[in-house]
Protein backbone atom coordinates (compact mmCIF):
# COMPACT_ATOMS: atom_id res chain seq x y z
CA MET A 1 159.82 113.42 119.42
CA LYS A 2 161.81 110.26 119.03
CA LYS A 3 161.37 106.71 121.28
CA LEU A 4 163.64 104.09 121.96
CA LEU A 5 162.95 101.09 124.29
CA THR A 6 165.64 98.72 125.61
CA LEU A 7 165.48 95.78 127.63
CA VAL A 8 166.97 96.62 131.17
CA THR A 9 168.63 95.07 134.00
CA VAL A 10 168.21 96.17 137.59
CA PHE A 11 171.38 96.57 139.81
CA MET A 12 171.45 96.67 143.86
CA MET A 13 173.07 98.49 146.32
CA ALA A 14 173.83 98.59 150.03
CA VAL A 15 171.09 100.15 152.00
CA CYS A 16 168.96 100.60 148.84
CA ALA A 17 165.66 98.82 147.87
CA SER A 18 165.57 97.36 144.54
CA ALA A 19 162.96 97.98 141.91
CA GLN A 20 161.45 94.37 142.32
CA ASP A 21 158.06 92.94 142.94
CA GLU A 22 158.42 92.36 146.65
CA GLN A 23 158.88 95.57 149.31
CA LEU A 24 161.29 95.72 152.02
CA THR A 25 159.87 94.89 155.21
CA ILE A 26 160.43 96.48 158.43
CA PHE A 27 159.88 95.76 161.99
CA VAL A 28 158.79 98.75 164.44
CA GLU A 29 159.55 97.59 168.00
CA LYS A 30 157.33 99.14 170.98
CA PHE A 31 158.31 102.75 171.72
CA VAL A 32 160.28 103.56 175.05
CA ASN A 33 159.49 106.67 177.16
CA ASN A 34 162.28 108.59 178.48
CA SER A 35 160.27 111.84 179.02
CA SER A 36 157.72 112.64 181.84
CA GLN A 37 154.68 112.19 179.84
CA LYS A 38 152.29 109.71 180.24
CA ASP A 39 152.56 106.23 178.01
CA ILE A 40 149.91 106.81 176.06
CA LEU A 41 151.65 109.58 174.29
CA VAL A 42 154.47 107.40 173.20
CA ARG A 43 151.88 105.01 171.89
CA ASN A 44 150.38 107.88 169.70
CA LEU A 45 154.25 108.46 168.77
CA HIS A 46 154.39 104.95 168.02
CA GLU A 47 151.63 104.58 165.56
CA ALA A 48 152.46 108.39 163.95
CA ILE A 49 155.45 106.98 163.07
CA ILE A 50 154.09 103.64 161.56
CA SER A 51 151.42 105.81 159.46
CA GLY A 52 154.10 107.84 158.46
CA LEU A 53 156.22 104.89 157.15
CA SER A 54 153.22 103.13 155.84
CA GLY A 55 152.12 106.15 153.82
CA THR A 56 155.31 106.08 151.83
CA GLY A 57 154.01 102.77 149.90
CA ARG A 58 157.70 101.68 149.91
CA LEU A 59 157.93 99.49 152.91
CA ILE A 60 155.62 97.12 154.56
CA VAL A 61 155.26 98.06 157.91
CA ILE A 62 155.01 95.58 160.64
CA ASP A 63 153.74 97.04 164.07
CA ALA A 64 155.24 94.71 167.23
CA GLY A 65 152.06 95.38 168.92
CA ASN A 66 150.12 93.57 165.74
CA TYR A 67 152.82 90.94 165.23
CA VAL A 68 151.36 87.12 164.83
CA GLY A 69 153.97 84.67 165.00
CA LYS A 70 156.63 82.58 166.78
CA PRO A 71 157.13 84.46 170.51
CA LEU A 72 160.30 86.51 170.37
CA PRO A 73 162.95 86.50 172.63
CA LYS A 74 162.91 89.63 174.91
CA GLU A 75 166.53 90.48 175.12
CA ARG A 76 167.44 92.75 172.40
CA ARG A 77 170.22 91.01 171.13
CA ASP A 78 168.39 87.72 170.50
CA ARG A 79 165.32 89.46 169.65
CA VAL A 80 166.99 91.13 166.83
CA LYS A 81 168.59 88.32 165.64
CA ALA A 82 165.09 86.51 165.51
CA LEU A 83 163.67 88.94 163.68
CA GLY A 84 166.45 89.09 160.72
CA GLU A 85 164.78 85.77 159.71
CA LYS A 86 161.97 87.54 158.94
CA PHE A 87 162.46 91.47 158.33
CA ASP A 88 164.92 93.25 156.42
CA TYR A 89 165.09 96.07 159.41
CA PHE A 90 164.34 96.69 162.62
CA LEU A 91 163.53 100.33 163.95
CA GLU A 92 163.59 101.29 167.43
CA GLY A 93 162.03 104.66 168.72
CA THR A 94 162.00 106.75 172.12
CA LEU A 95 160.17 109.74 173.28
CA ASN A 96 163.29 111.72 175.00
CA SER A 97 161.30 114.99 176.06
CA VAL A 98 158.06 117.08 175.83
CA THR A 99 158.30 120.83 176.63
CA SER A 100 155.40 123.23 176.11
CA LYS A 101 154.76 126.93 176.87
CA HIS A 102 152.00 129.54 176.78
CA VAL A 103 152.35 132.19 174.30
CA SER A 104 150.28 135.19 174.47
CA THR A 105 150.33 138.17 171.29
CA LYS A 106 148.05 140.96 170.39
CA ASN A 107 145.77 138.65 168.57
CA GLY A 108 145.24 136.27 171.40
CA SER A 109 147.24 133.43 173.08
CA TYR A 110 148.06 129.92 172.33
CA TYR A 111 150.42 127.01 173.36
CA SER A 112 153.48 125.93 171.85
CA ALA A 113 154.78 122.41 172.45
CA THR A 114 158.49 120.38 171.01
CA SER A 115 158.15 116.52 171.24
CA ASN A 116 161.81 115.46 171.13
CA PHE A 117 162.42 111.76 170.10
CA THR A 118 165.10 109.16 168.25
CA LEU A 119 164.47 106.92 165.90
CA ILE A 120 167.17 104.23 165.44
CA LEU A 121 167.32 101.82 162.39
CA THR A 122 169.12 98.43 162.55
CA ASP A 123 169.76 95.72 160.12
CA PRO A 124 168.62 92.44 161.96
CA HIS A 125 170.55 90.34 159.68
CA THR A 126 174.03 91.82 161.32
CA GLY A 127 172.79 93.66 164.32
CA ILE A 128 174.54 96.65 162.66
CA GLU A 129 173.07 100.16 163.57
CA LYS A 130 172.61 101.85 160.40
CA VAL A 131 170.88 105.28 161.17
CA ARG A 132 170.41 107.06 164.88
CA LYS A 133 168.56 110.14 163.90
CA VAL A 134 167.02 112.60 166.41
CA TYR A 135 163.98 114.89 165.87
CA SER A 136 162.51 117.73 167.14
CA SER A 137 158.59 118.02 166.23
CA GLU A 138 157.08 121.64 166.84
CA SER A 139 153.14 122.68 166.97
CA THR A 140 150.81 124.58 168.51
CA GLY A 141 147.19 123.97 169.96
CA GLY A 142 144.50 125.88 171.77
CA THR A 143 145.35 124.12 174.92
CA ASP A 144 148.57 122.56 176.33
CA GLU A 145 147.42 119.27 175.66
CA GLU A 146 146.26 119.93 172.29
CA ALA A 147 149.56 121.51 171.53
CA ILE A 148 151.57 118.72 172.99
CA LEU A 149 149.26 115.44 171.02
CA GLU A 150 149.57 117.54 167.88
CA SER A 151 153.79 117.79 168.09
CA VAL A 152 153.73 114.18 168.53
CA THR A 153 150.91 113.35 165.90
CA SER A 154 152.95 115.30 163.34
CA ALA A 155 156.10 113.19 163.58
CA SER A 156 154.38 111.30 160.92
CA GLY A 157 155.68 113.94 158.32
CA TYR A 158 159.38 113.53 159.02
CA MET A 159 158.80 109.57 157.32
CA LYS A 160 159.05 110.50 153.85
CA ARG A 161 162.13 112.30 154.03
CA PHE A 162 163.32 109.35 156.30
CA VAL A 163 162.52 106.97 154.21
CA GLU A 164 164.09 108.62 150.90
CA ASP A 165 167.27 108.97 153.07
CA ASN A 166 167.58 105.59 154.15
CA PHE A 167 165.52 103.22 151.60
CA LYS A 168 166.61 104.44 148.18
CA VAL A 169 165.09 102.65 145.13
CA GLU A 170 166.97 101.88 142.13
CA ALA A 171 166.21 101.07 138.32
CA VAL A 172 167.04 102.14 134.88
CA VAL A 173 166.15 104.54 132.03
CA LYS A 174 163.99 102.31 130.00
CA GLY A 175 163.56 104.34 127.53
CA LEU A 176 163.74 107.86 125.72
CA ASP A 177 160.92 110.00 125.08
CA ASP A 178 161.44 113.65 123.42
CA VAL A 179 164.85 114.26 122.34
CA ASP A 180 165.96 117.48 120.70
CA LEU A 181 167.94 115.96 117.79
CA LYS A 182 169.42 119.52 116.69
CA LYS A 183 171.25 119.84 120.04
CA ASN A 184 171.42 115.66 120.70
CA VAL A 185 169.67 116.08 123.89
CA VAL A 186 167.26 114.51 125.68
CA LYS A 187 164.21 116.23 127.76
CA THR A 188 162.16 113.60 128.42
CA CYS A 189 162.45 109.71 129.22
CA TYR A 190 160.85 106.54 131.04
CA VAL A 191 162.65 104.92 134.07
CA SER A 192 161.61 101.34 135.50
CA ILE A 193 159.86 102.12 138.57
CA GLY A 194 156.72 103.53 139.59
CA GLU A 195 154.03 103.30 142.11
CA ASP A 196 154.67 99.66 143.51
CA MET A 197 157.65 101.44 145.03
CA GLY A 198 156.04 104.25 146.48
CA ILE A 199 157.42 106.91 143.65
CA ALA A 200 155.10 109.81 143.26
CA LYS A 201 155.25 113.34 141.18
CA GLY A 202 158.21 115.11 141.84
CA GLN A 203 160.44 112.42 142.70
CA ILE A 204 164.08 113.54 142.38
CA PHE A 205 166.59 110.72 140.83
CA GLU A 206 170.01 110.82 140.17
CA VAL A 207 171.32 109.22 137.00
CA PHE A 208 174.85 106.78 136.89
CA ALA A 209 176.21 105.54 133.92
CA ASN A 210 177.65 102.07 134.42
CA ILE A 211 181.18 102.22 132.79
CA GLU A 212 184.91 101.27 133.24
CA VAL A 213 187.47 103.28 134.20
CA LEU A 214 190.62 102.05 133.80
CA GLY A 215 189.56 98.20 133.12
CA GLU A 216 187.24 98.84 136.66
CA PRO A 217 183.02 98.90 136.36
CA VAL A 218 182.25 102.16 138.19
CA ARG A 219 178.90 104.55 138.36
CA LYS A 220 179.27 107.79 136.74
CA LYS A 221 176.80 110.40 137.66
CA VAL A 222 175.89 111.83 134.72
CA ALA A 223 172.29 113.50 135.14
CA GLU A 224 169.32 114.25 137.02
CA LEU A 225 165.63 113.46 136.85
CA LYS A 226 162.09 114.93 137.98
CA CYS A 227 159.16 112.29 138.15
CA ASP A 228 156.18 113.83 136.11
CA GLU A 229 153.72 111.55 136.17
CA VAL A 230 153.37 107.95 137.59
CA LEU A 231 152.43 105.66 134.67
CA SER A 232 152.17 102.15 136.18
CA GLY A 233 153.49 100.01 138.99
CA THR A 234 156.80 99.76 137.35
CA MET A 235 157.42 102.97 135.02
CA SER A 236 157.16 106.53 135.48
CA HIS A 237 157.86 109.41 133.38
CA CYS A 238 160.32 112.21 134.02
CA SER A 239 161.75 115.45 132.39
CA VAL A 240 166.19 115.85 133.09
CA LYS A 241 166.91 118.44 134.91
CA SER A 242 170.26 118.18 133.89
CA GLY A 243 173.04 115.91 131.91
CA GLY A 244 170.43 115.41 128.72
CA ASP A 245 173.40 115.50 126.42
CA LEU A 246 175.03 112.56 128.23
CA ILE A 247 172.12 110.54 128.72
CA LYS A 248 171.61 110.44 124.93
CA LYS A 249 175.31 109.74 124.33
CA TYR A 250 175.52 106.93 127.07
CA PHE A 251 171.99 105.31 126.37
CA ASP A 252 172.64 105.30 122.42
CA GLU A 253 176.12 103.25 123.19
CA GLY A 254 174.00 100.94 124.83
CA ILE A 255 175.40 101.78 128.38
CA THR A 256 173.27 100.98 131.56
CA LEU A 257 171.56 104.11 132.84
CA THR A 258 171.25 103.57 136.69
CA VAL A 259 168.59 105.80 138.10
CA ILE A 260 168.45 106.02 141.95
CA SER A 261 166.02 107.85 144.41
CA ARG A 262 167.20 110.93 146.26
CA ALA A 263 165.19 112.83 148.72
CA ARG A 264 164.49 116.38 148.33
CA LYS A 265 165.10 118.98 150.29
CA GLN A 266 162.66 119.74 153.45
CA SER A 267 163.33 122.21 155.77
CA ILE A 268 161.29 121.12 158.61
CA LEU A 269 163.42 118.47 159.66
CA SER A 270 165.55 118.95 162.40
CA GLY A 271 167.71 116.66 164.54
CA ILE A 272 171.30 114.87 164.24
CA GLY A 273 171.79 112.20 161.81
CA LEU A 274 174.69 109.71 162.16
């Protein structure tokens, strides 16, 4: 095995979290109830979303209900502007509807429920809406109430993909590990990001070479990685899924290889994303 180390520089991208010491902060507003259900169910949804966001380890999540500080304006435009002084993102949610039904089978019966909700992510510094996504969360239960509650609380599971899609993290290939010298191909390598930014085993990264094309700096996608092991707060070990020859080529040439997190496919997600 051939091991190389290099000094690294971390680059920034729009709507991306850099691999630095401080995490992005997000203020989660009190959710709105547009359904026929009681407000307590909306609070359950609000808590589930906060739990899911916090669980990714990628964000510092502030609940509007627990916010301590200077009183915020009531008008949304002024409120968002005021939040921009302290937070990186502003999240709003609405419970649109909840439906349930009784299902009978040969082996018995159960209740099935679907909660439909919308999440809106805004940049409070500009007031520009970044994401508007509608989700349908389905669950079952022994009673109608159990199924409905579960359909709301299980919404936390959608937040991993939400964060991976909208809060990508960026680092660099820090060093090569397992190199096939005969084929001149990299099999495994190290990247300069770890548990401090919520990276976990299985995380997928796209690799870009920072090169010049016709005299202009560009990022050219050259490979893909998969995290095998998180070694520390700022380092992970990855296997090379594709492009091992290009990683070796550009790394040896001293060209910075930027890695950007990419969400894995998740079939349970549904909804409309803008």
